Amino acid sequence: MPDELDTGPLLALARKRGCLVAVPRITSTRHGRMRFEDLVGPLRRGAFGISEPAAGIVRPTRALDVVFMPLVGFDRQGNRIGMGRGFYDRLFAHRARMRQWRRPLLVGIAYDEQCVPALQPAAHDVRLDALVTQSSVLRFGRRPT
């Protein structure tokens, strides 16, 4: 999306290193649903003009190791602003119920300039585990429940 960091170079590097790469595919704009599918074969323009697999193997979210999430804004407490539709929050809502390891690791990717002093998260907002910018890597601890 225009206001988000381009993940193309990250995807290319992961594939070059032999990583299994799965990307989001919006399955319902009306209900705000998406899933992750293996990045194989040709791409097509999907919802909101985002490139996605024309056909792929669906990966359950708990089977993913790391999800790199582009974003519009973030604060230094691990809160993020996406495009406002809640696709990621719905998909990873299960993490709030997990007491132990909460796969996958959610890593935001952004420019330093996208940092804001503070965000007031809603109860349904899913927090980042880490964030990478051009100048730093931030790690966030788990919030008490």
Protein backbone atom coordinates (compact mmCIF):
# COMPACT_ATOMS: atom_id res chain seq x y z
CA MET A 1 0.00 0.00 0.00
CA PRO A 2 1.25 3.54 -0.68
CA ASP A 3 1.66 4.52 3.00
CA GLU A 4 3.44 1.29 3.96
CA LEU A 5 7.03 0.11 3.53
CA ASP A 6 7.57 -2.03 0.43
CA THR A 7 8.08 -5.66 1.50
CA GLY A 8 9.24 -6.79 -1.96
CA PRO A 9 12.99 -6.80 -1.14
CA LEU A 10 12.35 -8.74 2.09
CA LEU A 11 10.32 -11.36 0.22
CA ALA A 12 13.01 -11.68 -2.46
CA LEU A 13 15.73 -12.17 0.17
CA ALA A 14 13.71 -14.79 2.06
CA ARG A 15 13.06 -16.74 -1.14
CA LYS A 16 16.73 -16.49 -2.17
CA ARG A 17 17.68 -18.00 1.19
CA GLY A 18 15.27 -20.88 0.70
CA CYS A 19 12.66 -19.80 3.25
CA LEU A 20 9.09 -20.96 2.84
CA VAL A 21 7.22 -17.70 2.28
CA ALA A 22 3.51 -17.26 2.85
CA VAL A 23 1.73 -14.00 2.14
CA PRO A 24 -1.65 -12.61 3.16
CA ARG A 25 -4.65 -13.08 0.93
CA ILE A 26 -7.86 -11.25 1.69
CA THR A 27 -10.76 -13.65 1.48
CA SER A 28 -13.57 -11.29 2.49
CA THR A 29 -13.44 -7.51 2.45
CA ARG A 30 -16.97 -7.40 3.84
CA HIS A 31 -16.12 -9.48 6.93
CA GLY A 32 -12.49 -8.39 7.19
CA ARG A 33 -11.01 -11.85 6.75
CA MET A 34 -7.69 -12.93 5.37
CA ARG A 35 -5.42 -15.96 5.45
CA PHE A 36 -1.82 -16.76 4.57
CA GLU A 37 -0.94 -18.76 1.47
CA ASP A 38 2.37 -20.02 0.14
CA LEU A 39 3.98 -17.66 -2.33
CA VAL A 40 4.26 -19.97 -5.34
CA GLY A 41 3.25 -19.56 -8.94
CA PRO A 42 1.83 -16.45 -10.54
CA LEU A 43 0.45 -13.48 -8.64
CA ARG A 44 -2.77 -11.61 -9.32
CA ARG A 45 -4.23 -8.33 -8.17
CA GLY A 46 -6.45 -8.99 -5.19
CA ALA A 47 -8.46 -6.81 -2.84
CA PHE A 48 -7.27 -3.19 -2.63
CA GLY A 49 -4.93 -3.82 -5.59
CA ILE A 50 -2.52 -5.90 -3.49
CA SER A 51 -0.63 -8.69 -5.27
CA GLU A 52 -1.46 -12.13 -3.92
CA PRO A 53 -1.09 -15.77 -5.02
CA ALA A 54 -3.46 -16.81 -7.79
CA ALA A 55 -3.67 -20.17 -6.00
CA GLY A 56 -1.71 -21.41 -3.04
CA ILE A 57 -1.48 -23.72 -0.09
CA VAL A 58 -3.19 -22.21 2.94
CA ARG A 59 -0.96 -21.97 6.03
CA PRO A 60 -2.64 -21.93 9.45
CA THR A 61 -1.50 -18.85 11.36
CA ARG A 62 -0.14 -20.94 14.24
CA ALA A 63 2.12 -22.76 11.75
CA LEU A 64 3.85 -19.50 10.75
CA ASP A 65 7.13 -18.64 12.47
CA VAL A 66 7.40 -14.92 11.73
CA VAL A 67 5.02 -12.42 10.15
CA PHE A 68 6.46 -9.16 8.89
CA MET A 69 3.73 -6.54 9.00
CA PRO A 70 3.92 -3.24 7.14
CA LEU A 71 2.16 -0.46 8.98
CA VAL A 72 1.20 3.18 8.85
CA GLY A 73 2.37 4.16 12.35
CA PHE A 74 3.72 2.74 15.62
CA ASP A 75 4.74 3.73 19.12
CA ARG A 76 7.62 2.49 21.27
CA GLN A 77 5.30 0.26 23.32
CA GLY A 78 4.56 -2.09 20.40
CA ASN A 79 1.24 -0.64 19.33
CA ARG A 80 0.65 -0.21 15.62
CA ILE A 81 -1.66 1.56 13.22
CA GLY A 82 -2.53 -0.38 10.11
CA MET A 83 -4.84 0.68 7.33
CA GLY A 84 -7.80 0.57 9.70
CA ARG A 85 -9.70 -2.51 8.57
CA GLY A 86 -8.53 -4.89 11.34
CA PHE A 87 -7.49 -7.82 9.12
CA TYR A 88 -4.35 -8.61 11.14
CA ASP A 89 -6.10 -8.05 14.49
CA ARG A 90 -8.82 -10.57 13.63
CA LEU A 91 -6.40 -13.11 12.21
CA PHE A 92 -4.09 -13.05 15.24
CA ALA A 93 -6.69 -12.54 17.97
CA HIS A 94 -5.88 -16.04 19.31
CA ARG A 95 -2.56 -14.74 20.63
CA ALA A 96 -4.29 -12.84 23.43
CA ARG A 97 -5.59 -16.15 24.83
CA MET A 98 -2.23 -17.92 24.75
CA ARG A 99 -0.32 -18.19 28.02
CA GLN A 100 2.87 -19.71 26.58
CA TRP A 101 4.53 -19.27 23.20
CA ARG A 102 2.28 -17.32 20.87
CA ARG A 103 3.17 -18.17 17.30
CA PRO A 104 3.85 -16.48 15.07
CA LEU A 105 6.25 -13.73 16.06
CA LEU A 106 4.76 -10.44 14.81
CA VAL A 107 7.39 -8.02 13.54
CA GLY A 108 6.42 -4.59 12.27
CA ILE A 109 8.50 -3.00 9.53
CA ALA A 110 8.47 0.76 9.13
CA TYR A 111 10.49 3.92 8.68
CA ASP A 112 11.65 5.85 11.77
CA GLU A 113 9.42 8.74 10.67
CA GLN A 114 6.33 6.58 11.24
CA CYS A 115 6.88 6.58 15.00
CA VAL A 116 4.33 8.53 17.04
CA PRO A 117 4.62 9.42 20.75
CA ALA A 118 1.81 7.15 21.92
CA LEU A 119 -1.16 5.20 20.62
CA GLN A 120 -4.22 4.24 22.62
CA PRO A 121 -4.89 0.63 21.62
CA ALA A 122 -8.40 -0.80 21.54
CA ALA A 123 -9.12 -4.05 23.38
CA HIS A 124 -9.01 -6.02 20.10
CA ASP A 125 -5.70 -4.57 18.86
CA VAL A 126 -2.90 -7.12 18.52
CA ARG A 127 0.43 -5.82 19.74
CA LEU A 128 3.75 -6.32 17.95
CA ASP A 129 6.53 -8.51 19.37
CA ALA A 130 9.22 -6.47 17.63
CA LEU A 131 9.68 -3.67 15.15
CA VAL A 132 12.42 -3.01 12.60
CA THR A 133 13.20 0.39 11.10
CA GLN A 134 16.17 1.59 9.06
CA SER A 135 17.99 2.56 12.26
CA SER A 136 16.83 0.23 15.02
CA VAL A 137 15.28 -2.99 16.18
CA LEU A 138 12.80 -2.71 19.05
CA ARG A 139 11.62 -5.69 21.09
CA PHE A 140 8.50 -5.53 23.19
CA GLY A 141 7.68 -7.60 26.27
CA ARG A 142 4.36 -9.32 26.73
CA ARG A 143 1.64 -7.28 28.38
CA PRO A 144 0.11 -8.69 31.54
CA THR A 145 -3.39 -10.10 31.01
